[in-house]
Amino acid sequence: MGEWELKKISEVPFDNYRKDPVKYHPPGGESMESVVSRVTDFLNFARSINEKSVIAVSHWHPIATIVALITGLPLSNIYRLRIGTGSITAVDLSNEDVVFLNLSPLRVLRSLGFSDEEIISGCSE
């Protein structure tokens, strides 16, 4: 985020960036072109290693960029995607599909019958 790093959103001119991150990027920060290049390199790598599944952990912006590239969403509209912290997004690179977006691991564990106490206990082991 360049000069905006560690600042509150109210302290930076975030509105233009949010409306069109292709045209506006944080001063001293990464441009959309750079993000696209970085995630494209990763996607090409993931395709090349001939594995059925690849797990990547990332911040919101690269995940949203991958989803936009796969679905054809204009990159200027990626702030319309809501991707929660700690959520899981899955894409099928062989079919160029988004399998699921913004899946909450806690919801999955709770749907399998685990209590919050069991989840917390399991995380601390």
N, C-alpha and C. Protein backbone atom coordinates (compact mmCIF):
# COMPACT_ATOMS: atom_id res chain seq x y z
N MET A 1 0.82 -1.21 0.00
CA MET A 1 0.00 0.00 0.00
C MET A 1 0.86 1.27 0.00
N GLY A 2 2.15 1.13 -0.11
CA GLY A 2 3.03 2.29 -0.25
C GLY A 2 2.90 3.27 0.90
N GLU A 3 2.70 4.54 0.57
CA GLU A 3 2.58 5.60 1.58
C GLU A 3 1.34 5.44 2.45
N TRP A 4 0.39 4.62 2.04
CA TRP A 4 -0.83 4.43 2.82
C TRP A 4 -0.67 3.36 3.89
N GLU A 5 0.44 2.62 3.85
CA GLU A 5 0.66 1.53 4.79
C GLU A 5 0.53 2.01 6.24
N LEU A 6 -0.19 1.23 7.03
CA LEU A 6 -0.40 1.46 8.47
C LEU A 6 -1.18 2.74 8.79
N LYS A 7 -1.87 3.29 7.80
CA LYS A 7 -2.72 4.46 8.04
C LYS A 7 -4.17 4.03 8.03
N LYS A 8 -5.00 4.80 8.70
CA LYS A 8 -6.44 4.54 8.68
C LYS A 8 -7.00 4.94 7.32
N ILE A 9 -8.05 4.25 6.91
CA ILE A 9 -8.67 4.57 5.62
C ILE A 9 -9.11 6.04 5.60
N SER A 10 -9.53 6.56 6.75
CA SER A 10 -9.95 7.97 6.81
C SER A 10 -8.79 8.94 6.59
N GLU A 11 -7.56 8.44 6.66
CA GLU A 11 -6.38 9.30 6.48
C GLU A 11 -5.83 9.30 5.06
N VAL A 12 -6.40 8.49 4.18
CA VAL A 12 -5.91 8.42 2.81
C VAL A 12 -7.05 8.63 1.82
N PRO A 13 -6.74 9.09 0.61
CA PRO A 13 -7.79 9.27 -0.41
C PRO A 13 -8.16 7.93 -1.05
N PHE A 14 -8.83 7.09 -0.28
CA PHE A 14 -9.12 5.72 -0.67
C PHE A 14 -10.26 5.61 -1.67
N ASP A 15 -11.16 6.59 -1.72
CA ASP A 15 -12.35 6.48 -2.57
C ASP A 15 -12.02 6.27 -4.04
N ASN A 16 -11.11 7.06 -4.60
CA ASN A 16 -10.76 6.89 -6.01
C ASN A 16 -10.15 5.52 -6.27
N TYR A 17 -9.28 5.07 -5.37
CA TYR A 17 -8.66 3.75 -5.50
C TYR A 17 -9.73 2.66 -5.46
N ARG A 18 -10.67 2.79 -4.55
CA ARG A 18 -11.72 1.78 -4.42
C ARG A 18 -12.63 1.77 -5.65
N LYS A 19 -12.89 2.94 -6.22
CA LYS A 19 -13.75 3.02 -7.41
C LYS A 19 -13.06 2.46 -8.65
N ASP A 20 -11.73 2.65 -8.74
CA ASP A 20 -11.01 2.16 -9.91
C ASP A 20 -9.54 1.93 -9.57
N PRO A 21 -9.23 0.76 -9.00
CA PRO A 21 -7.84 0.47 -8.62
C PRO A 21 -6.91 0.29 -9.82
N VAL A 22 -7.45 0.18 -11.02
CA VAL A 22 -6.60 0.11 -12.21
C VAL A 22 -6.03 1.50 -12.49
N LYS A 23 -6.86 2.50 -12.41
CA LYS A 23 -6.46 3.86 -12.71
C LYS A 23 -5.71 4.52 -11.54
N TYR A 24 -6.14 4.26 -10.35
CA TYR A 24 -5.56 4.89 -9.16
C TYR A 24 -4.90 3.81 -8.30
N HIS A 25 -3.68 4.04 -7.91
CA HIS A 25 -3.04 3.12 -6.97
C HIS A 25 -2.32 3.93 -5.89
N PRO A 26 -2.06 3.31 -4.77
CA PRO A 26 -1.44 4.04 -3.67
C PRO A 26 -0.06 4.58 -4.07
N PRO A 27 0.24 5.82 -3.72
CA PRO A 27 1.56 6.37 -4.03
C PRO A 27 2.66 5.50 -3.41
N GLY A 28 3.58 5.07 -4.24
CA GLY A 28 4.66 4.21 -3.76
C GLY A 28 4.23 2.78 -3.57
N GLY A 29 2.97 2.48 -3.88
CA GLY A 29 2.44 1.12 -3.71
C GLY A 29 2.37 0.38 -5.02
N GLU A 30 1.89 -0.84 -4.94
CA GLU A 30 1.84 -1.71 -6.11
C GLU A 30 0.67 -1.33 -7.02
N SER A 31 0.95 -1.25 -8.31
CA SER A 31 -0.10 -0.96 -9.29
C SER A 31 -0.87 -2.24 -9.60
N MET A 32 -2.04 -2.08 -10.17
CA MET A 32 -2.84 -3.24 -10.58
C MET A 32 -2.07 -4.06 -11.61
N GLU A 33 -1.38 -3.40 -12.50
CA GLU A 33 -0.58 -4.11 -13.50
C GLU A 33 0.44 -5.04 -12.84
N SER A 34 1.06 -4.57 -11.77
CA SER A 34 2.03 -5.38 -11.04
C SER A 34 1.35 -6.56 -10.35
N VAL A 35 0.18 -6.33 -9.74
CA VAL A 35 -0.55 -7.41 -9.08
C VAL A 35 -0.94 -8.47 -10.11
N VAL A 36 -1.45 -8.03 -11.25
CA VAL A 36 -1.85 -8.97 -12.31
C VAL A 36 -0.65 -9.79 -12.77
N SER A 37 0.47 -9.15 -12.94
CA SER A 37 1.68 -9.86 -13.36
C SER A 37 2.08 -10.91 -12.32
N ARG A 38 2.03 -10.51 -11.06
CA ARG A 38 2.42 -11.41 -9.97
C ARG A 38 1.48 -12.62 -9.87
N VAL A 39 0.16 -12.37 -9.92
CA VAL A 39 -0.77 -13.50 -9.80
C VAL A 39 -0.78 -14.36 -11.07
N THR A 40 -0.54 -13.77 -12.21
CA THR A 40 -0.45 -14.54 -13.45
C THR A 40 0.75 -15.47 -13.39
N ASP A 41 1.89 -14.96 -12.88
CA ASP A 41 3.06 -15.82 -12.70
C ASP A 41 2.73 -16.99 -11.77
N PHE A 42 2.02 -16.70 -10.68
CA PHE A 42 1.64 -17.77 -9.74
C PHE A 42 0.71 -18.78 -10.41
N LEU A 43 -0.31 -18.29 -11.13
CA LEU A 43 -1.26 -19.20 -11.79
C LEU A 43 -0.54 -20.08 -12.82
N ASN A 44 0.38 -19.50 -13.56
CA ASN A 44 1.14 -20.29 -14.53
C ASN A 44 2.00 -21.34 -13.82
N PHE A 45 2.60 -20.96 -12.70
CA PHE A 45 3.36 -21.92 -11.90
C PHE A 45 2.46 -23.04 -11.40
N ALA A 46 1.31 -22.68 -10.84
CA ALA A 46 0.39 -23.68 -10.30
C ALA A 46 -0.05 -24.65 -11.38
N ARG A 47 -0.29 -24.15 -12.57
CA ARG A 47 -0.68 -25.03 -13.68
C ARG A 47 0.48 -25.94 -14.10
N SER A 48 1.70 -25.43 -14.01
CA SER A 48 2.86 -26.15 -14.54
C SER A 48 3.35 -27.29 -13.66
N ILE A 49 3.01 -27.29 -12.38
CA ILE A 49 3.59 -28.31 -11.50
C ILE A 49 2.81 -29.62 -11.53
N ASN A 50 1.74 -29.65 -12.28
CA ASN A 50 1.00 -30.89 -12.52
C ASN A 50 0.51 -31.57 -11.23
N GLU A 51 0.00 -30.76 -10.34
CA GLU A 51 -0.60 -31.27 -9.11
C GLU A 51 -2.11 -31.06 -9.20
N LYS A 52 -2.84 -31.95 -8.56
CA LYS A 52 -4.30 -31.81 -8.56
C LYS A 52 -4.74 -30.60 -7.75
N SER A 53 -4.08 -30.35 -6.61
CA SER A 53 -4.45 -29.24 -5.73
C SER A 53 -3.22 -28.46 -5.30
N VAL A 54 -3.38 -27.15 -5.23
CA VAL A 54 -2.34 -26.27 -4.74
C VAL A 54 -3.00 -25.32 -3.75
N ILE A 55 -2.39 -25.14 -2.60
CA ILE A 55 -2.92 -24.22 -1.61
C ILE A 55 -2.00 -23.00 -1.55
N ALA A 56 -2.61 -21.83 -1.58
CA ALA A 56 -1.86 -20.59 -1.46
C ALA A 56 -2.53 -19.72 -0.40
N VAL A 57 -1.73 -19.07 0.38
CA VAL A 57 -2.24 -18.16 1.41
C VAL A 57 -1.86 -16.75 0.97
N SER A 58 -2.84 -15.86 0.99
CA SER A 58 -2.58 -14.52 0.47
C SER A 58 -3.48 -13.49 1.11
N HIS A 59 -3.16 -12.25 0.82
CA HIS A 59 -4.01 -11.12 1.20
C HIS A 59 -5.18 -11.04 0.23
N TRP A 60 -6.10 -10.16 0.55
CA TRP A 60 -7.32 -9.98 -0.24
C TRP A 60 -7.04 -9.63 -1.70
N HIS A 61 -6.16 -8.69 -1.95
CA HIS A 61 -5.99 -8.14 -3.30
C HIS A 61 -5.59 -9.19 -4.33
N PRO A 62 -4.58 -10.02 -4.09
CA PRO A 62 -4.28 -11.06 -5.09
C PRO A 62 -5.41 -12.07 -5.27
N ILE A 63 -6.10 -12.42 -4.20
CA ILE A 63 -7.23 -13.35 -4.32
C ILE A 63 -8.32 -12.74 -5.19
N ALA A 64 -8.69 -11.51 -4.91
CA ALA A 64 -9.73 -10.83 -5.70
C ALA A 64 -9.29 -10.69 -7.15
N THR A 65 -8.01 -10.43 -7.38
CA THR A 65 -7.51 -10.30 -8.74
C THR A 65 -7.61 -11.62 -9.49
N ILE A 66 -7.27 -12.73 -8.84
CA ILE A 66 -7.40 -14.06 -9.48
C ILE A 66 -8.86 -14.34 -9.81
N VAL A 67 -9.76 -14.06 -8.88
CA VAL A 67 -11.19 -14.29 -9.13
C VAL A 67 -11.65 -13.43 -10.31
N ALA A 68 -11.21 -12.19 -10.36
CA ALA A 68 -11.60 -11.31 -11.48
C ALA A 68 -11.06 -11.84 -12.80
N LEU A 69 -9.81 -12.26 -12.82
CA LEU A 69 -9.23 -12.78 -14.06
C LEU A 69 -9.96 -14.03 -14.54
N ILE A 70 -10.30 -14.91 -13.62
CA ILE A 70 -10.96 -16.16 -14.00
C ILE A 70 -12.40 -15.93 -14.44
N THR A 71 -13.10 -15.02 -13.78
CA THR A 71 -14.52 -14.80 -14.10
C THR A 71 -14.75 -13.74 -15.17
N GLY A 72 -13.72 -12.98 -15.49
CA GLY A 72 -13.89 -11.91 -16.46
C GLY A 72 -14.41 -10.62 -15.86
N LEU A 73 -14.46 -10.55 -14.53
CA LEU A 73 -14.87 -9.31 -13.87
C LEU A 73 -13.83 -8.23 -14.19
N PRO A 74 -14.26 -7.05 -14.64
CA PRO A 74 -13.28 -5.99 -14.89
C PRO A 74 -12.47 -5.71 -13.63
N LEU A 75 -11.17 -5.60 -13.79
CA LEU A 75 -10.30 -5.37 -12.64
C LEU A 75 -10.64 -4.08 -11.89
N SER A 76 -11.23 -3.14 -12.58
CA SER A 76 -11.64 -1.90 -11.91
C SER A 76 -12.78 -2.14 -10.94
N ASN A 77 -13.41 -3.31 -11.01
CA ASN A 77 -14.55 -3.61 -10.13
C ASN A 77 -14.23 -4.60 -9.02
N ILE A 78 -12.96 -4.88 -8.74
CA ILE A 78 -12.67 -5.91 -7.75
C ILE A 78 -13.10 -5.53 -6.35
N TYR A 79 -13.27 -4.25 -6.07
CA TYR A 79 -13.74 -3.88 -4.73
C TYR A 79 -15.21 -4.20 -4.53
N ARG A 80 -15.86 -4.74 -5.54
CA ARG A 80 -17.23 -5.23 -5.36
C ARG A 80 -17.23 -6.64 -4.77
N LEU A 81 -16.06 -7.28 -4.74
CA LEU A 81 -15.92 -8.60 -4.13
C LEU A 81 -15.68 -8.46 -2.64
N ARG A 82 -16.39 -9.22 -1.86
CA ARG A 82 -16.20 -9.25 -0.41
C ARG A 82 -15.54 -10.58 -0.07
N ILE A 83 -14.29 -10.51 0.34
CA ILE A 83 -13.54 -11.70 0.70
C ILE A 83 -13.07 -11.51 2.13
N GLY A 84 -13.62 -12.29 3.04
CA GLY A 84 -13.35 -12.12 4.46
C GLY A 84 -11.98 -12.62 4.87
N THR A 85 -11.44 -11.99 5.89
CA THR A 85 -10.17 -12.41 6.47
C THR A 85 -10.29 -13.85 6.95
N GLY A 86 -9.33 -14.68 6.57
CA GLY A 86 -9.34 -16.08 6.98
C GLY A 86 -10.28 -16.96 6.20
N SER A 87 -10.95 -16.41 5.20
CA SER A 87 -11.88 -17.22 4.42
C SER A 87 -11.13 -18.04 3.38
N ILE A 88 -11.84 -18.98 2.77
CA ILE A 88 -11.25 -19.85 1.77
C ILE A 88 -11.94 -19.60 0.43
N THR A 89 -11.12 -19.41 -0.59
CA THR A 89 -11.60 -19.29 -1.96
C THR A 89 -10.93 -20.38 -2.77
N ALA A 90 -11.69 -21.08 -3.59
CA ALA A 90 -11.12 -22.16 -4.40
C ALA A 90 -11.43 -21.91 -5.88
N VAL A 91 -10.42 -22.13 -6.70
CA VAL A 91 -10.60 -22.03 -8.15
C VAL A 91 -10.13 -23.33 -8.79
N ASP A 92 -10.79 -23.69 -9.85
CA ASP A 92 -10.41 -24.86 -10.64
C ASP A 92 -9.71 -24.33 -11.88
N LEU A 93 -8.39 -24.45 -11.90
CA LEU A 93 -7.62 -23.88 -13.01
C LEU A 93 -7.79 -24.66 -14.30
N SER A 94 -8.14 -25.94 -14.21
CA SER A 94 -8.32 -26.72 -15.43
C SER A 94 -9.58 -26.29 -16.18
N ASN A 95 -10.59 -25.85 -15.45
CA ASN A 95 -11.84 -25.40 -16.08
C ASN A 95 -12.03 -23.88 -16.03
N GLU A 96 -11.08 -23.19 -15.36
CA GLU A 96 -11.19 -21.74 -15.19
C GLU A 96 -12.50 -21.36 -14.52
N ASP A 97 -12.80 -22.04 -13.40
CA ASP A 97 -14.02 -21.79 -12.64
C ASP A 97 -13.68 -21.39 -11.21
N VAL A 98 -14.54 -20.58 -10.63
CA VAL A 98 -14.48 -20.33 -9.19
C VAL A 98 -15.35 -21.40 -8.55
N VAL A 99 -14.76 -22.24 -7.71
CA VAL A 99 -15.49 -23.33 -7.07
C VAL A 99 -16.28 -22.79 -5.89
N PHE A 100 -15.63 -22.02 -5.04
CA PHE A 100 -16.33 -21.30 -3.99
C PHE A 100 -15.53 -20.08 -3.60
N LEU A 101 -16.24 -19.13 -3.04
CA LEU A 101 -15.67 -17.82 -2.70
C LEU A 101 -16.08 -17.46 -1.29
N ASN A 102 -15.10 -17.06 -0.49
CA ASN A 102 -15.41 -16.50 0.82
C ASN A 102 -16.00 -17.52 1.80
N LEU A 103 -15.55 -18.76 1.71
CA LEU A 103 -16.02 -19.79 2.61
C LEU A 103 -15.38 -19.60 3.98
N SER A 104 -16.18 -19.60 5.01
CA SER A 104 -15.69 -19.44 6.37
C SER A 104 -15.32 -20.80 6.96
N PRO A 105 -14.05 -21.01 7.34
CA PRO A 105 -13.68 -22.29 7.95
C PRO A 105 -14.48 -22.58 9.23
N LEU A 106 -14.80 -21.54 9.98
CA LEU A 106 -15.59 -21.75 11.19
C LEU A 106 -16.98 -22.29 10.87
N ARG A 107 -17.59 -21.78 9.82
CA ARG A 107 -18.91 -22.29 9.43
C ARG A 107 -18.85 -23.75 9.03
N VAL A 108 -17.78 -24.11 8.32
CA VAL A 108 -17.62 -25.51 7.91
C VAL A 108 -17.49 -26.39 9.13
N LEU A 109 -16.60 -26.01 10.06
CA LEU A 109 -16.40 -26.82 11.26
C LEU A 109 -17.68 -26.90 12.09
N ARG A 110 -18.38 -25.77 12.21
CA ARG A 110 -19.64 -25.79 12.97
C ARG A 110 -20.68 -26.67 12.28
N SER A 111 -20.72 -26.64 10.94
CA SER A 111 -21.70 -27.47 10.22
C SER A 111 -21.38 -28.95 10.37
N LEU A 112 -20.14 -29.27 10.67
CA LEU A 112 -19.75 -30.66 10.90
C LEU A 112 -19.98 -31.09 12.34
N GLY A 113 -20.52 -30.17 13.16
CA GLY A 113 -20.89 -30.51 14.52
C GLY A 113 -19.88 -30.15 15.59
N PHE A 114 -18.79 -29.47 15.20
CA PHE A 114 -17.81 -29.06 16.21
C PHE A 114 -18.32 -27.83 16.96
N SER A 115 -18.14 -27.83 18.27
CA SER A 115 -18.51 -26.66 19.07
C SER A 115 -17.37 -25.65 19.02
N ASP A 116 -17.67 -24.40 19.37
CA ASP A 116 -16.63 -23.38 19.41
C ASP A 116 -15.51 -23.77 20.37
N GLU A 117 -15.90 -24.41 21.48
CA GLU A 117 -14.89 -24.84 22.46
C GLU A 117 -13.95 -25.88 21.85
N GLU A 118 -14.50 -26.81 21.08
CA GLU A 118 -13.67 -27.83 20.43
C GLU A 118 -12.74 -27.21 19.38
N ILE A 119 -13.27 -26.24 18.66
CA ILE A 119 -12.47 -25.57 17.63
C ILE A 119 -11.30 -24.82 18.29
N ILE A 120 -11.60 -24.06 19.35
CA ILE A 120 -10.56 -23.31 20.04
C ILE A 120 -9.54 -24.27 20.66
N SER A 121 -10.02 -25.33 21.23
CA SER A 121 -9.12 -26.32 21.85
C SER A 121 -8.21 -26.94 20.77
N GLY A 122 -8.78 -27.25 19.62
CA GLY A 122 -7.99 -27.84 18.55
C GLY A 122 -6.95 -26.89 17.99
N CYS A 123 -7.25 -25.60 17.98
CA CYS A 123 -6.30 -24.60 17.50
C CYS A 123 -5.13 -24.41 18.44
N SER A 124 -5.36 -24.66 19.72
CA SER A 124 -4.31 -24.41 20.71
C SER A 124 -3.39 -25.61 20.92
N GLU A 125 -3.73 -26.75 20.32
CA GLU A 125 -2.90 -27.95 20.48
C GLU A 125 -1.68 -27.91 19.60
